[in-house]
N, C-alpha and C. Protein backbone atom coordinates (compact mmCIF):
# COMPACT_ATOMS: atom_id res chain seq x y z
N UNK A 1 0.40 -12.98 -20.21
CA UNK A 1 -0.80 -13.14 -19.41
C UNK A 1 -0.66 -12.33 -18.13
N UNK A 2 -1.59 -11.45 -17.87
CA UNK A 2 -1.53 -10.65 -16.65
C UNK A 2 -2.27 -11.36 -15.51
N UNK A 3 -1.85 -11.02 -14.29
CA UNK A 3 -2.44 -11.62 -13.09
C UNK A 3 -2.92 -10.50 -12.19
N UNK A 4 -4.16 -10.60 -11.72
CA UNK A 4 -4.73 -9.63 -10.80
C UNK A 4 -4.82 -10.27 -9.43
N UNK A 5 -4.30 -9.56 -8.42
CA UNK A 5 -4.32 -10.09 -7.05
C UNK A 5 -5.07 -9.13 -6.13
N UNK A 6 -5.58 -9.69 -5.04
CA UNK A 6 -6.31 -8.90 -4.04
C UNK A 6 -5.33 -8.33 -3.02
N UNK A 7 -5.59 -7.08 -2.62
CA UNK A 7 -4.78 -6.39 -1.61
C UNK A 7 -5.72 -6.02 -0.46
N UNK A 8 -5.23 -6.20 0.76
CA UNK A 8 -6.02 -5.78 1.91
C UNK A 8 -5.11 -5.20 2.98
N UNK A 9 -5.71 -4.38 3.82
CA UNK A 9 -5.01 -3.79 4.96
C UNK A 9 -5.55 -4.44 6.23
N UNK A 10 -4.65 -4.72 7.16
CA UNK A 10 -5.03 -5.31 8.43
C UNK A 10 -4.43 -4.49 9.56
N UNK A 11 -5.08 -4.56 10.71
CA UNK A 11 -4.55 -3.91 11.91
C UNK A 11 -4.26 -4.98 12.94
N UNK A 12 -3.49 -4.61 13.96
CA UNK A 12 -3.17 -5.56 15.02
C UNK A 12 -4.40 -5.93 15.84
N UNK A 13 -5.45 -5.13 15.75
CA UNK A 13 -6.69 -5.44 16.47
C UNK A 13 -7.59 -6.39 15.68
N UNK A 14 -7.16 -6.78 14.47
CA UNK A 14 -7.92 -7.74 13.69
C UNK A 14 -8.82 -7.15 12.63
N UNK A 15 -8.84 -5.82 12.51
CA UNK A 15 -9.65 -5.20 11.46
C UNK A 15 -9.03 -5.47 10.10
N UNK A 16 -9.88 -5.79 9.12
CA UNK A 16 -9.43 -6.05 7.76
C UNK A 16 -10.21 -5.15 6.82
N UNK A 17 -9.48 -4.47 5.92
CA UNK A 17 -10.11 -3.57 4.95
C UNK A 17 -9.61 -3.94 3.56
N UNK A 18 -10.54 -4.10 2.64
CA UNK A 18 -10.19 -4.36 1.25
C UNK A 18 -9.50 -3.12 0.70
N UNK A 19 -8.31 -3.29 0.12
CA UNK A 19 -7.57 -2.17 -0.44
C UNK A 19 -7.52 -2.24 -1.96
N UNK A 20 -8.35 -3.10 -2.55
CA UNK A 20 -8.43 -3.16 -4.01
C UNK A 20 -7.65 -4.31 -4.60
N UNK A 21 -7.29 -4.14 -5.85
CA UNK A 21 -6.53 -5.15 -6.58
C UNK A 21 -5.35 -4.50 -7.29
N UNK A 22 -4.39 -5.33 -7.63
CA UNK A 22 -3.25 -4.89 -8.43
C UNK A 22 -3.06 -5.87 -9.57
N UNK A 23 -2.65 -5.35 -10.71
CA UNK A 23 -2.43 -6.20 -11.87
C UNK A 23 -0.93 -6.24 -12.19
N UNK A 24 -0.44 -7.45 -12.46
CA UNK A 24 0.96 -7.66 -12.80
C UNK A 24 1.05 -8.39 -14.14
N UNK A 25 2.05 -8.05 -14.91
CA UNK A 25 2.25 -8.66 -16.23
C UNK A 25 2.88 -10.05 -16.13
N UNK A 26 3.53 -10.34 -15.02
CA UNK A 26 4.22 -11.61 -14.84
C UNK A 26 3.75 -12.27 -13.55
N UNK A 27 3.93 -13.58 -13.48
CA UNK A 27 3.55 -14.30 -12.26
C UNK A 27 4.62 -14.20 -11.19
N UNK A 28 5.75 -13.59 -11.51
CA UNK A 28 6.83 -13.41 -10.53
C UNK A 28 7.10 -11.92 -10.34
N UNK A 29 7.25 -11.55 -9.06
CA UNK A 29 7.59 -10.16 -8.74
C UNK A 29 8.37 -10.17 -7.43
N UNK A 30 8.81 -9.01 -7.02
CA UNK A 30 9.52 -8.90 -5.74
C UNK A 30 8.63 -8.14 -4.76
N UNK A 31 9.00 -8.22 -3.50
CA UNK A 31 8.28 -7.46 -2.47
C UNK A 31 8.37 -5.97 -2.78
N UNK A 32 9.56 -5.50 -3.17
CA UNK A 32 9.75 -4.08 -3.51
C UNK A 32 8.79 -3.64 -4.63
N UNK A 33 8.68 -4.46 -5.67
CA UNK A 33 7.80 -4.13 -6.79
C UNK A 33 6.33 -4.18 -6.37
N UNK A 34 6.00 -5.08 -5.50
CA UNK A 34 4.63 -5.16 -4.99
C UNK A 34 4.26 -3.88 -4.23
N UNK A 35 5.15 -3.43 -3.36
CA UNK A 35 4.91 -2.19 -2.62
C UNK A 35 4.86 -1.00 -3.58
N UNK A 36 5.80 -0.96 -4.53
CA UNK A 36 5.83 0.14 -5.50
C UNK A 36 4.54 0.19 -6.30
N UNK A 37 4.07 -0.95 -6.75
CA UNK A 37 2.84 -1.00 -7.54
C UNK A 37 1.65 -0.49 -6.75
N UNK A 38 1.57 -0.89 -5.49
CA UNK A 38 0.46 -0.44 -4.66
C UNK A 38 0.50 1.08 -4.45
N UNK A 39 1.64 1.58 -4.03
CA UNK A 39 1.76 3.01 -3.74
C UNK A 39 1.53 3.82 -5.02
N UNK A 40 2.13 3.41 -6.12
CA UNK A 40 1.97 4.12 -7.38
C UNK A 40 0.50 4.20 -7.79
N UNK A 41 -0.21 3.07 -7.71
CA UNK A 41 -1.62 3.04 -8.11
C UNK A 41 -2.48 3.92 -7.21
N UNK A 42 -2.24 3.86 -5.90
CA UNK A 42 -3.02 4.67 -4.97
C UNK A 42 -2.82 6.17 -5.23
N UNK A 43 -1.58 6.56 -5.43
CA UNK A 43 -1.28 7.98 -5.66
C UNK A 43 -1.83 8.41 -7.02
N UNK A 44 -1.69 7.57 -8.03
CA UNK A 44 -2.24 7.88 -9.36
C UNK A 44 -3.76 8.07 -9.27
N UNK A 45 -4.44 7.16 -8.59
CA UNK A 45 -5.90 7.28 -8.43
C UNK A 45 -6.26 8.57 -7.70
N UNK A 46 -5.52 8.90 -6.65
CA UNK A 46 -5.78 10.13 -5.89
C UNK A 46 -5.57 11.36 -6.77
N UNK A 47 -4.46 11.39 -7.50
CA UNK A 47 -4.12 12.58 -8.28
C UNK A 47 -5.05 12.82 -9.46
N UNK A 48 -5.78 11.81 -9.92
CA UNK A 48 -6.71 12.00 -11.03
C UNK A 48 -8.11 12.42 -10.56
N UNK A 49 -8.35 12.39 -9.25
CA UNK A 49 -9.66 12.82 -8.72
C UNK A 49 -9.79 14.33 -8.79
N UNK A 50 -11.02 14.77 -8.93
CA UNK A 50 -11.29 16.21 -8.89
C UNK A 50 -11.21 16.73 -7.46
N UNK A 51 -11.82 16.03 -6.55
CA UNK A 51 -11.86 16.46 -5.15
C UNK A 51 -10.81 15.68 -4.39
N UNK A 52 -9.67 16.31 -4.13
CA UNK A 52 -8.55 15.63 -3.51
C UNK A 52 -8.45 15.93 -2.01
N UNK A 53 -9.55 15.80 -1.31
CA UNK A 53 -9.56 16.11 0.12
C UNK A 53 -9.35 14.87 0.99
N UNK A 54 -9.40 13.68 0.40
CA UNK A 54 -9.32 12.44 1.17
C UNK A 54 -8.37 11.47 0.47
N UNK A 55 -7.61 10.70 1.26
CA UNK A 55 -6.71 9.70 0.71
C UNK A 55 -6.82 8.45 1.56
N UNK A 56 -7.00 7.31 0.92
CA UNK A 56 -7.17 6.06 1.65
C UNK A 56 -6.04 5.09 1.46
N UNK A 57 -4.83 5.58 1.22
CA UNK A 57 -3.72 4.72 0.89
C UNK A 57 -2.93 4.17 2.06
N UNK A 58 -1.85 3.49 1.73
CA UNK A 58 -0.99 2.83 2.70
C UNK A 58 -0.27 3.83 3.60
N UNK A 59 0.26 4.90 3.03
CA UNK A 59 1.06 5.87 3.76
C UNK A 59 0.25 7.14 3.98
N UNK A 60 0.20 7.60 5.22
CA UNK A 60 -0.51 8.84 5.55
C UNK A 60 0.30 10.03 5.04
N UNK A 61 -0.25 10.82 4.13
CA UNK A 61 0.46 12.01 3.67
C UNK A 61 0.63 13.03 4.80
N UNK A 62 1.69 13.81 4.74
CA UNK A 62 1.86 14.87 5.72
C UNK A 62 0.73 15.87 5.56
N UNK A 63 0.46 16.61 6.61
CA UNK A 63 -0.59 17.63 6.61
C UNK A 63 -1.99 17.03 6.39
N UNK A 64 -2.22 15.86 7.03
CA UNK A 64 -3.54 15.23 6.97
C UNK A 64 -3.95 14.81 8.37
N UNK A 65 -5.26 14.61 8.51
CA UNK A 65 -5.81 14.09 9.76
C UNK A 65 -6.33 12.69 9.51
N UNK A 66 -6.09 11.80 10.45
CA UNK A 66 -6.54 10.41 10.35
C UNK A 66 -8.06 10.36 10.52
N UNK A 67 -8.70 9.59 9.66
CA UNK A 67 -10.14 9.35 9.75
C UNK A 67 -10.39 7.85 9.76
N UNK A 68 -11.64 7.48 9.88
CA UNK A 68 -12.00 6.06 9.95
C UNK A 68 -11.46 5.27 8.77
N UNK A 69 -11.64 5.75 7.55
CA UNK A 69 -11.24 5.01 6.36
C UNK A 69 -10.16 5.73 5.55
N UNK A 70 -9.26 6.42 6.22
CA UNK A 70 -8.20 7.08 5.48
C UNK A 70 -7.74 8.36 6.15
N UNK A 71 -7.38 9.32 5.32
CA UNK A 71 -6.80 10.57 5.80
C UNK A 71 -7.45 11.75 5.07
N UNK A 72 -7.70 12.82 5.82
CA UNK A 72 -8.31 14.02 5.23
C UNK A 72 -7.25 15.12 5.16
N UNK A 73 -7.12 15.71 3.98
CA UNK A 73 -6.19 16.81 3.77
C UNK A 73 -6.75 18.10 4.34
N UNK A 74 -5.88 18.93 4.88
CA UNK A 74 -6.31 20.26 5.32
C UNK A 74 -6.58 21.12 4.09
N UNK A 75 -5.76 20.96 3.06
CA UNK A 75 -5.95 21.61 1.77
C UNK A 75 -5.80 20.55 0.68
N UNK A 76 -6.74 20.47 -0.25
CA UNK A 76 -6.62 19.47 -1.31
C UNK A 76 -5.31 19.66 -2.08
N UNK A 77 -4.67 18.54 -2.40
CA UNK A 77 -3.42 18.62 -3.16
C UNK A 77 -3.08 17.27 -3.78
N UNK A 78 -2.16 17.32 -4.71
CA UNK A 78 -1.68 16.10 -5.33
C UNK A 78 -0.51 15.55 -4.52
N UNK A 79 -0.25 14.27 -4.71
CA UNK A 79 0.82 13.60 -3.98
C UNK A 79 1.95 13.19 -4.93
N UNK A 80 3.12 13.01 -4.37
CA UNK A 80 4.29 12.51 -5.10
C UNK A 80 4.44 11.02 -4.76
N UNK A 81 4.22 10.15 -5.73
CA UNK A 81 4.25 8.72 -5.45
C UNK A 81 5.63 8.26 -4.99
N UNK A 82 6.70 8.88 -5.48
CA UNK A 82 8.04 8.47 -5.09
C UNK A 82 8.29 8.75 -3.61
N UNK A 83 7.78 9.86 -3.14
CA UNK A 83 7.93 10.21 -1.72
C UNK A 83 7.15 9.22 -0.85
N UNK A 84 5.93 8.90 -1.26
CA UNK A 84 5.12 7.93 -0.54
C UNK A 84 5.80 6.56 -0.56
N UNK A 85 6.36 6.19 -1.69
CA UNK A 85 7.05 4.91 -1.85
C UNK A 85 8.26 4.83 -0.93
N UNK A 86 9.05 5.89 -0.86
CA UNK A 86 10.22 5.91 0.03
C UNK A 86 9.81 5.68 1.48
N UNK A 87 8.72 6.31 1.92
CA UNK A 87 8.24 6.13 3.29
C UNK A 87 7.80 4.68 3.51
N UNK A 88 7.11 4.11 2.53
CA UNK A 88 6.65 2.72 2.65
C UNK A 88 7.83 1.75 2.72
N UNK A 89 8.86 1.96 1.90
CA UNK A 89 10.03 1.09 1.93
C UNK A 89 10.75 1.18 3.27
N UNK A 90 10.90 2.39 3.77
CA UNK A 90 11.56 2.59 5.06
C UNK A 90 10.76 1.89 6.17
N UNK A 91 9.45 2.02 6.13
CA UNK A 91 8.59 1.38 7.13
C UNK A 91 8.72 -0.14 7.07
N UNK A 92 8.79 -0.69 5.86
CA UNK A 92 8.96 -2.13 5.72
C UNK A 92 10.31 -2.56 6.30
N UNK A 93 11.37 -1.82 5.95
CA UNK A 93 12.72 -2.14 6.46
C UNK A 93 12.80 -2.07 7.98
N UNK A 94 12.03 -1.16 8.57
CA UNK A 94 12.07 -0.97 10.03
C UNK A 94 10.99 -1.75 10.76
N UNK A 95 10.34 -2.68 10.06
CA UNK A 95 9.29 -3.53 10.64
C UNK A 95 8.13 -2.75 11.22
N UNK A 96 7.83 -1.60 10.64
CA UNK A 96 6.66 -0.83 11.04
C UNK A 96 5.44 -1.30 10.25
N UNK A 97 5.72 -2.04 9.19
CA UNK A 97 4.67 -2.64 8.39
C UNK A 97 5.13 -4.05 8.02
N UNK A 98 4.23 -4.99 8.15
CA UNK A 98 4.52 -6.37 7.77
C UNK A 98 3.74 -6.68 6.50
N UNK A 99 4.31 -7.52 5.67
CA UNK A 99 3.65 -7.90 4.44
C UNK A 99 3.45 -9.41 4.46
N UNK A 100 2.19 -9.81 4.31
CA UNK A 100 1.83 -11.23 4.29
C UNK A 100 1.33 -11.59 2.90
N UNK A 101 1.87 -12.64 2.34
CA UNK A 101 1.42 -13.14 1.04
C UNK A 101 0.81 -14.51 1.32
N UNK A 102 -0.50 -14.59 1.14
CA UNK A 102 -1.23 -15.83 1.47
C UNK A 102 -0.92 -16.26 2.90
N UNK A 103 -0.97 -15.30 3.82
CA UNK A 103 -0.76 -15.52 5.25
C UNK A 103 0.67 -15.95 5.62
N UNK A 104 1.62 -15.79 4.72
CA UNK A 104 3.03 -16.07 5.00
C UNK A 104 3.79 -14.75 4.96
N UNK A 105 4.49 -14.43 6.04
CA UNK A 105 5.23 -13.18 6.10
C UNK A 105 6.44 -13.22 5.17
N UNK A 106 6.59 -12.15 4.38
CA UNK A 106 7.79 -11.98 3.56
C UNK A 106 8.66 -10.96 4.28
N UNK A 107 9.98 -11.15 4.21
CA UNK A 107 10.84 -10.35 5.07
C UNK A 107 11.89 -9.52 4.37
N UNK A 108 12.08 -9.69 3.07
CA UNK A 108 13.12 -8.94 2.36
C UNK A 108 12.53 -8.28 1.12
N UNK A 109 12.97 -7.07 0.84
CA UNK A 109 12.46 -6.32 -0.31
C UNK A 109 12.74 -7.02 -1.63
N UNK A 110 13.85 -7.73 -1.72
CA UNK A 110 14.20 -8.40 -2.97
C UNK A 110 13.71 -9.85 -3.03
N UNK A 111 12.94 -10.26 -2.03
CA UNK A 111 12.38 -11.62 -2.04
C UNK A 111 11.40 -11.74 -3.20
N UNK A 112 11.53 -12.83 -3.93
CA UNK A 112 10.64 -13.06 -5.07
C UNK A 112 9.35 -13.74 -4.60
N UNK A 113 8.27 -13.31 -5.20
CA UNK A 113 6.94 -13.84 -4.89
C UNK A 113 6.35 -14.40 -6.18
N UNK A 114 5.75 -15.58 -6.07
CA UNK A 114 5.04 -16.16 -7.20
C UNK A 114 3.57 -15.83 -7.02
N UNK A 115 2.98 -15.18 -8.02
CA UNK A 115 1.60 -14.73 -7.95
C UNK A 115 0.67 -15.67 -8.71
N UNK A 116 -0.53 -15.79 -8.20
CA UNK A 116 -1.61 -16.52 -8.87
C UNK A 116 -2.89 -15.73 -8.64
N UNK A 117 -3.94 -16.03 -9.37
CA UNK A 117 -5.17 -15.24 -9.21
C UNK A 117 -5.76 -15.37 -7.81
N UNK A 118 -5.39 -16.42 -7.07
CA UNK A 118 -5.89 -16.60 -5.71
C UNK A 118 -5.03 -15.89 -4.66
N UNK A 119 -3.92 -15.30 -5.08
CA UNK A 119 -2.99 -14.66 -4.14
C UNK A 119 -3.67 -13.50 -3.42
N UNK A 120 -3.51 -13.46 -2.10
CA UNK A 120 -3.99 -12.35 -1.29
C UNK A 120 -2.79 -11.76 -0.56
N UNK A 121 -2.61 -10.45 -0.71
CA UNK A 121 -1.51 -9.75 -0.05
C UNK A 121 -2.10 -8.86 1.03
N UNK A 122 -1.59 -9.02 2.26
CA UNK A 122 -2.06 -8.22 3.39
C UNK A 122 -0.93 -7.33 3.88
N UNK A 123 -1.25 -6.06 4.08
CA UNK A 123 -0.34 -5.10 4.67
C UNK A 123 -0.79 -4.89 6.11
N UNK A 124 0.06 -5.24 7.05
CA UNK A 124 -0.25 -5.10 8.47
C UNK A 124 0.58 -3.93 9.01
N UNK A 125 -0.12 -2.82 9.30
CA UNK A 125 0.55 -1.62 9.80
C UNK A 125 0.66 -1.72 11.31
N UNK A 126 1.89 -1.65 11.80
CA UNK A 126 2.10 -1.70 13.23
C UNK A 126 2.09 -0.32 13.86
N UNK A 127 2.45 0.70 13.08
CA UNK A 127 2.34 2.09 13.53
C UNK A 127 1.90 2.92 12.32
N UNK A 128 1.28 4.08 12.53
CA UNK A 128 0.88 4.92 11.38
C UNK A 128 2.09 5.34 10.57
N UNK A 129 1.95 5.33 9.24
CA UNK A 129 3.01 5.73 8.33
C UNK A 129 2.68 7.11 7.77
N UNK A 130 3.56 8.07 8.00
CA UNK A 130 3.32 9.43 7.52
C UNK A 130 4.38 9.76 6.49
N UNK A 131 3.94 10.20 5.30
CA UNK A 131 4.86 10.51 4.23
C UNK A 131 4.55 11.82 3.55
N UNK A 132 4.64 11.82 2.20
CA UNK A 132 4.53 13.03 1.40
C UNK A 132 3.15 13.44 1.16
């Protein structure tokens, strides 16, 4: 049985943006896998688009300008999900991004999370994340 959960982005000023949903095959996962799933899906969605001038993901790709709802590329290009994932993991480890699961902060990459269809995961960016 797969479980679909809601993902959102939050800022320290209180802004909340729906970042979509993620589907998991099991009701148990880790923080690391949650971040990996999000970054992988965002990059996959970006790379399959015809017009790759804008990216609305967790990590700001290098060579982009920040916009209201994401980042604009100077030249359209595909992204490397592993590079974006590495930046996201580093940011989590350095407390540049906080992860809240049902309004409870998780603090370790290997921490196990129990998922349900009502689960809401919030990514709170404390500083801009720039990656691949």
